[in-house]
Amino acid sequence: MTYDWQDTLLGEGDLARRAAAMVPRMLAHPAVTLDQVSRLRGHIDDCIGRLGILLVEMQNAEADQVFVEAARTIRDAWQSLAHKAAERARLFEIGFVDVRPTLSDSKDQGVATH
C-alpha cells in the first residue's frame, strides 16, 4: 500500500508545483476577469478537498507519517494559492478600478492627444 500513497502523492505534488508556478502569473495578468478568478478558485478548492479526503484515508489506514506530512504540505500549498486567488477576487469585489487615463478618456474630455 505504501507504493499507492507514494504514487498518489507524487502526482498531487507535481500538480501543486505546476499550479504554484502558473497561478500567481494568471492572477497578476491585467486582463484577468472575475469569472476566471472565480473558476480558478473553484478548481483550487476542489484540489484542497481532494487532499482533505486523501488525508482522512491515509490517517484511517494508518499510513506512514512521512506520507501524511507530505499530503499536508501539498494541501498547504493549495491553501496558499486559494488565499492568493481570494485576495485577487476581493479586488474585484471592492471595485478596484484602474484609473490610468485611456485614449477614449482623452477624447471624451476634449484633451488633445498629440
N, C-alpha and C. Protein backbone atom coordinates (compact mmCIF):
# COMPACT_ATOMS: atom_id res chain seq x y z
N MET A 1 0.82 -1.19 0.00
CA MET A 1 0.00 0.00 0.00
C MET A 1 0.87 1.26 0.00
N THR A 2 2.07 1.16 0.50
CA THR A 2 2.98 2.30 0.53
C THR A 2 3.18 2.87 -0.86
N TYR A 3 3.32 2.00 -1.85
CA TYR A 3 3.52 2.47 -3.21
C TYR A 3 2.33 3.29 -3.69
N ASP A 4 1.13 2.88 -3.33
CA ASP A 4 -0.06 3.63 -3.74
C ASP A 4 -0.05 5.05 -3.18
N TRP A 5 0.30 5.18 -1.93
CA TRP A 5 0.36 6.53 -1.34
C TRP A 5 1.43 7.35 -2.03
N GLN A 6 2.58 6.74 -2.22
CA GLN A 6 3.70 7.45 -2.83
C GLN A 6 3.34 7.89 -4.24
N ASP A 7 2.76 7.02 -5.02
CA ASP A 7 2.38 7.34 -6.39
C ASP A 7 1.35 8.47 -6.41
N THR A 8 0.36 8.38 -5.56
CA THR A 8 -0.68 9.42 -5.48
C THR A 8 -0.07 10.76 -5.07
N LEU A 9 0.79 10.73 -4.08
CA LEU A 9 1.40 11.97 -3.60
C LEU A 9 2.35 12.58 -4.63
N LEU A 10 3.02 11.76 -5.38
CA LEU A 10 3.89 12.29 -6.43
C LEU A 10 3.06 13.04 -7.47
N GLY A 11 1.94 12.47 -7.87
CA GLY A 11 1.05 13.13 -8.83
C GLY A 11 0.46 14.42 -8.27
N GLU A 12 0.01 14.36 -7.04
CA GLU A 12 -0.57 15.55 -6.40
C GLU A 12 0.49 16.63 -6.21
N GLY A 13 1.68 16.24 -5.83
CA GLY A 13 2.76 17.20 -5.64
C GLY A 13 3.15 17.87 -6.94
N ASP A 14 3.20 17.10 -8.01
CA ASP A 14 3.53 17.65 -9.32
C ASP A 14 2.48 18.67 -9.74
N LEU A 15 1.22 18.33 -9.57
CA LEU A 15 0.13 19.24 -9.92
C LEU A 15 0.22 20.54 -9.10
N ALA A 16 0.49 20.41 -7.81
CA ALA A 16 0.60 21.59 -6.95
C ALA A 16 1.79 22.46 -7.34
N ARG A 17 2.91 21.85 -7.70
CA ARG A 17 4.08 22.63 -8.12
C ARG A 17 3.81 23.39 -9.41
N ARG A 18 3.16 22.74 -10.36
CA ARG A 18 2.84 23.43 -11.61
C ARG A 18 1.86 24.58 -11.35
N ALA A 19 0.90 24.35 -10.48
CA ALA A 19 -0.06 25.40 -10.16
C ALA A 19 0.63 26.56 -9.44
N ALA A 20 1.56 26.26 -8.56
CA ALA A 20 2.28 27.30 -7.83
C ALA A 20 3.08 28.19 -8.77
N ALA A 21 3.51 27.64 -9.89
CA ALA A 21 4.25 28.43 -10.87
C ALA A 21 3.32 29.23 -11.77
N MET A 22 2.14 28.69 -12.04
CA MET A 22 1.25 29.30 -13.02
C MET A 22 0.20 30.23 -12.42
N VAL A 23 -0.37 29.87 -11.29
CA VAL A 23 -1.49 30.63 -10.72
C VAL A 23 -1.12 32.09 -10.41
N PRO A 24 -0.01 32.37 -9.76
CA PRO A 24 0.32 33.78 -9.49
C PRO A 24 0.43 34.62 -10.77
N ARG A 25 0.98 34.04 -11.83
CA ARG A 25 1.05 34.77 -13.10
C ARG A 25 -0.34 35.04 -13.66
N MET A 26 -1.21 34.06 -13.55
CA MET A 26 -2.58 34.24 -14.03
C MET A 26 -3.29 35.34 -13.24
N LEU A 27 -3.14 35.31 -11.93
CA LEU A 27 -3.81 36.29 -11.08
C LEU A 27 -3.28 37.69 -11.30
N ALA A 28 -2.02 37.81 -11.68
CA ALA A 28 -1.41 39.12 -11.89
C ALA A 28 -1.68 39.69 -13.28
N HIS A 29 -2.20 38.87 -14.16
CA HIS A 29 -2.43 39.33 -15.54
C HIS A 29 -3.47 40.45 -15.52
N PRO A 30 -3.20 41.56 -16.19
CA PRO A 30 -4.11 42.71 -16.14
C PRO A 30 -5.48 42.44 -16.79
N ALA A 31 -5.57 41.45 -17.66
CA ALA A 31 -6.84 41.19 -18.33
C ALA A 31 -7.66 40.09 -17.66
N VAL A 32 -7.19 39.57 -16.53
CA VAL A 32 -7.94 38.51 -15.86
C VAL A 32 -9.30 39.05 -15.42
N THR A 33 -10.32 38.21 -15.53
CA THR A 33 -11.68 38.63 -15.17
C THR A 33 -12.09 38.00 -13.85
N LEU A 34 -13.14 38.55 -13.26
CA LEU A 34 -13.67 37.99 -12.02
C LEU A 34 -14.15 36.56 -12.27
N ASP A 35 -14.76 36.31 -13.42
CA ASP A 35 -15.22 34.97 -13.73
C ASP A 35 -14.06 33.98 -13.78
N GLN A 36 -12.96 34.37 -14.38
CA GLN A 36 -11.79 33.50 -14.46
C GLN A 36 -11.23 33.23 -13.07
N VAL A 37 -11.16 34.26 -12.24
CA VAL A 37 -10.65 34.10 -10.89
C VAL A 37 -11.58 33.19 -10.08
N SER A 38 -12.88 33.37 -10.26
CA SER A 38 -13.85 32.54 -9.55
C SER A 38 -13.73 31.07 -9.95
N ARG A 39 -13.59 30.83 -11.24
CA ARG A 39 -13.42 29.44 -11.70
C ARG A 39 -12.12 28.85 -11.19
N LEU A 40 -11.07 29.65 -11.17
CA LEU A 40 -9.78 29.19 -10.65
C LEU A 40 -9.91 28.83 -9.18
N ARG A 41 -10.60 29.68 -8.43
CA ARG A 41 -10.81 29.39 -7.00
C ARG A 41 -11.56 28.08 -6.82
N GLY A 42 -12.54 27.82 -7.69
CA GLY A 42 -13.28 26.57 -7.61
C GLY A 42 -12.38 25.36 -7.83
N HIS A 43 -11.49 25.46 -8.82
CA HIS A 43 -10.56 24.36 -9.09
C HIS A 43 -9.60 24.17 -7.92
N ILE A 44 -9.13 25.25 -7.36
CA ILE A 44 -8.22 25.16 -6.21
C ILE A 44 -8.95 24.54 -5.03
N ASP A 45 -10.18 24.96 -4.79
CA ASP A 45 -10.97 24.39 -3.69
C ASP A 45 -11.19 22.88 -3.90
N ASP A 46 -11.39 22.47 -5.15
CA ASP A 46 -11.53 21.04 -5.45
C ASP A 46 -10.26 20.29 -5.07
N CYS A 47 -9.12 20.88 -5.36
CA CYS A 47 -7.84 20.24 -5.03
C CYS A 47 -7.66 20.16 -3.52
N ILE A 48 -8.03 21.20 -2.81
CA ILE A 48 -7.94 21.18 -1.35
C ILE A 48 -8.85 20.09 -0.79
N GLY A 49 -10.05 19.99 -1.34
CA GLY A 49 -10.98 18.97 -0.89
C GLY A 49 -10.45 17.56 -1.15
N ARG A 50 -9.87 17.36 -2.32
CA ARG A 50 -9.30 16.06 -2.68
C ARG A 50 -8.18 15.69 -1.71
N LEU A 51 -7.34 16.68 -1.35
CA LEU A 51 -6.26 16.41 -0.40
C LEU A 51 -6.81 16.14 0.99
N GLY A 52 -7.88 16.80 1.34
CA GLY A 52 -8.51 16.54 2.64
C GLY A 52 -9.02 15.11 2.73
N ILE A 53 -9.67 14.64 1.67
CA ILE A 53 -10.16 13.26 1.63
C ILE A 53 -8.98 12.29 1.68
N LEU A 54 -7.93 12.59 0.93
CA LEU A 54 -6.75 11.74 0.92
C LEU A 54 -6.14 11.66 2.32
N LEU A 55 -6.07 12.78 3.01
CA LEU A 55 -5.52 12.78 4.37
C LEU A 55 -6.34 11.91 5.31
N VAL A 56 -7.65 12.00 5.22
CA VAL A 56 -8.51 11.17 6.06
C VAL A 56 -8.29 9.69 5.75
N GLU A 57 -8.23 9.37 4.47
CA GLU A 57 -7.98 7.98 4.07
C GLU A 57 -6.64 7.49 4.59
N MET A 58 -5.63 8.34 4.50
CA MET A 58 -4.30 7.95 4.95
C MET A 58 -4.28 7.74 6.47
N GLN A 59 -4.94 8.63 7.18
CA GLN A 59 -4.98 8.50 8.64
C GLN A 59 -5.77 7.27 9.06
N ASN A 60 -6.88 7.00 8.37
CA ASN A 60 -7.67 5.81 8.68
C ASN A 60 -6.89 4.54 8.39
N ALA A 61 -6.06 4.56 7.37
CA ALA A 61 -5.25 3.40 7.01
C ALA A 61 -3.95 3.35 7.80
N GLU A 62 -3.77 4.33 8.68
CA GLU A 62 -2.55 4.42 9.48
C GLU A 62 -1.30 4.41 8.60
N ALA A 63 -1.35 5.26 7.57
CA ALA A 63 -0.21 5.38 6.66
C ALA A 63 0.99 5.95 7.40
N ASP A 64 2.13 5.70 6.85
CA ASP A 64 3.38 6.21 7.40
C ASP A 64 3.27 7.72 7.56
N GLN A 65 3.75 8.24 8.66
CA GLN A 65 3.67 9.66 8.97
C GLN A 65 4.35 10.53 7.92
N VAL A 66 5.35 10.01 7.27
CA VAL A 66 6.05 10.75 6.21
C VAL A 66 5.08 11.08 5.08
N PHE A 67 4.24 10.12 4.72
CA PHE A 67 3.27 10.34 3.66
C PHE A 67 2.18 11.32 4.10
N VAL A 68 1.75 11.19 5.34
CA VAL A 68 0.73 12.09 5.87
C VAL A 68 1.24 13.53 5.87
N GLU A 69 2.47 13.72 6.29
CA GLU A 69 3.07 15.06 6.29
C GLU A 69 3.23 15.60 4.88
N ALA A 70 3.58 14.73 3.94
CA ALA A 70 3.70 15.17 2.55
C ALA A 70 2.34 15.63 2.03
N ALA A 71 1.28 14.92 2.36
CA ALA A 71 -0.06 15.31 1.93
C ALA A 71 -0.45 16.64 2.57
N ARG A 72 -0.10 16.84 3.81
CA ARG A 72 -0.40 18.13 4.48
C ARG A 72 0.36 19.28 3.81
N THR A 73 1.59 19.03 3.44
CA THR A 73 2.39 20.05 2.78
C THR A 73 1.77 20.44 1.44
N ILE A 74 1.32 19.45 0.70
CA ILE A 74 0.68 19.72 -0.59
C ILE A 74 -0.62 20.49 -0.38
N ARG A 75 -1.41 20.06 0.62
CA ARG A 75 -2.66 20.76 0.93
C ARG A 75 -2.37 22.21 1.32
N ASP A 76 -1.32 22.44 2.09
CA ASP A 76 -0.95 23.79 2.49
C ASP A 76 -0.57 24.65 1.28
N ALA A 77 0.09 24.05 0.31
CA ALA A 77 0.44 24.78 -0.90
C ALA A 77 -0.82 25.22 -1.64
N TRP A 78 -1.81 24.32 -1.73
CA TRP A 78 -3.07 24.68 -2.37
C TRP A 78 -3.80 25.76 -1.58
N GLN A 79 -3.74 25.68 -0.26
CA GLN A 79 -4.39 26.71 0.56
C GLN A 79 -3.75 28.07 0.36
N SER A 80 -2.45 28.10 0.16
CA SER A 80 -1.77 29.35 -0.12
C SER A 80 -2.25 29.94 -1.44
N LEU A 81 -2.40 29.09 -2.45
CA LEU A 81 -2.92 29.56 -3.74
C LEU A 81 -4.37 30.03 -3.61
N ALA A 82 -5.14 29.35 -2.79
CA ALA A 82 -6.53 29.76 -2.56
C ALA A 82 -6.58 31.15 -1.94
N HIS A 83 -5.66 31.40 -1.02
CA HIS A 83 -5.59 32.72 -0.38
C HIS A 83 -5.26 33.80 -1.41
N LYS A 84 -4.32 33.52 -2.28
CA LYS A 84 -3.94 34.49 -3.32
C LYS A 84 -5.11 34.75 -4.27
N ALA A 85 -5.82 33.71 -4.64
CA ALA A 85 -6.97 33.88 -5.53
C ALA A 85 -8.08 34.66 -4.83
N ALA A 86 -8.27 34.41 -3.55
CA ALA A 86 -9.30 35.15 -2.80
C ALA A 86 -8.95 36.63 -2.71
N GLU A 87 -7.68 36.93 -2.54
CA GLU A 87 -7.25 38.33 -2.48
C GLU A 87 -7.50 39.02 -3.82
N ARG A 88 -7.22 38.30 -4.91
CA ARG A 88 -7.46 38.89 -6.24
C ARG A 88 -8.94 39.11 -6.47
N ALA A 89 -9.77 38.15 -6.06
CA ALA A 89 -11.21 38.30 -6.19
C ALA A 89 -11.71 39.47 -5.35
N ARG A 90 -11.11 39.65 -4.19
CA ARG A 90 -11.51 40.75 -3.31
C ARG A 90 -11.28 42.10 -3.99
N LEU A 91 -10.24 42.20 -4.80
CA LEU A 91 -10.00 43.45 -5.53
C LEU A 91 -11.16 43.76 -6.47
N PHE A 92 -11.73 42.73 -7.08
CA PHE A 92 -12.91 42.93 -7.92
C PHE A 92 -14.10 43.34 -7.07
N GLU A 93 -14.27 42.70 -5.93
CA GLU A 93 -15.43 42.93 -5.07
C GLU A 93 -15.44 44.32 -4.46
N ILE A 94 -14.27 44.87 -4.18
CA ILE A 94 -14.24 46.22 -3.59
C ILE A 94 -14.25 47.29 -4.67
N GLY A 95 -14.35 46.84 -5.92
CA GLY A 95 -14.46 47.79 -7.02
C GLY A 95 -13.15 48.41 -7.43
N PHE A 96 -12.07 47.65 -7.28
CA PHE A 96 -10.76 48.16 -7.72
C PHE A 96 -10.85 48.49 -9.20
N VAL A 97 -10.49 49.70 -9.52
CA VAL A 97 -10.54 50.15 -10.90
C VAL A 97 -9.21 50.78 -11.26
N ASP A 98 -8.73 50.47 -12.44
CA ASP A 98 -7.51 51.07 -12.95
C ASP A 98 -7.87 52.50 -13.38
N VAL A 99 -7.29 53.49 -12.75
CA VAL A 99 -7.66 54.87 -13.02
C VAL A 99 -6.73 55.57 -13.99
N ARG A 100 -5.85 54.82 -14.62
CA ARG A 100 -4.99 55.44 -15.61
C ARG A 100 -5.85 55.89 -16.80
N PRO A 101 -5.56 57.07 -17.34
CA PRO A 101 -6.37 57.54 -18.47
C PRO A 101 -6.16 56.66 -19.70
N THR A 102 -7.22 56.47 -20.42
CA THR A 102 -7.15 55.70 -21.66
C THR A 102 -7.36 56.66 -22.83
N LEU A 103 -7.16 56.18 -24.01
CA LEU A 103 -7.34 57.00 -25.20
C LEU A 103 -8.77 57.52 -25.28
N SER A 104 -9.74 56.70 -24.95
CA SER A 104 -11.13 57.13 -25.02
C SER A 104 -11.43 58.20 -23.97
N ASP A 105 -10.75 58.16 -22.80
CA ASP A 105 -10.94 59.19 -21.78
C ASP A 105 -10.49 60.55 -22.31
N SER A 106 -9.37 60.57 -23.02
CA SER A 106 -8.85 61.83 -23.54
C SER A 106 -9.81 62.43 -24.55
N LYS A 107 -10.39 61.63 -25.40
CA LYS A 107 -11.33 62.11 -26.40
C LYS A 107 -12.60 62.64 -25.74
N ASP A 108 -13.07 61.93 -24.71
CA ASP A 108 -14.30 62.33 -24.03
C ASP A 108 -14.15 63.68 -23.34
N GLN A 109 -12.96 63.99 -22.89
CA GLN A 109 -12.74 65.22 -22.13
C GLN A 109 -12.19 66.33 -23.01
N GLY A 110 -12.07 66.10 -24.29
CA GLY A 110 -11.59 67.13 -25.19
C GLY A 110 -10.12 67.42 -25.05
N VAL A 111 -9.34 66.51 -24.52
CA VAL A 111 -7.91 66.71 -24.32
C VAL A 111 -7.19 66.28 -25.60
N ALA A 112 -6.27 67.09 -26.03
CA ALA A 112 -5.50 66.75 -27.23
C ALA A 112 -4.57 65.60 -26.91
N THR A 113 -4.42 64.69 -27.86
CA THR A 113 -3.55 63.52 -27.64
C THR A 113 -2.37 63.52 -28.59
N HIS A 114 -1.86 64.67 -28.92
CA HIS A 114 -0.75 64.77 -29.88
C HIS A 114 0.49 64.19 -29.30
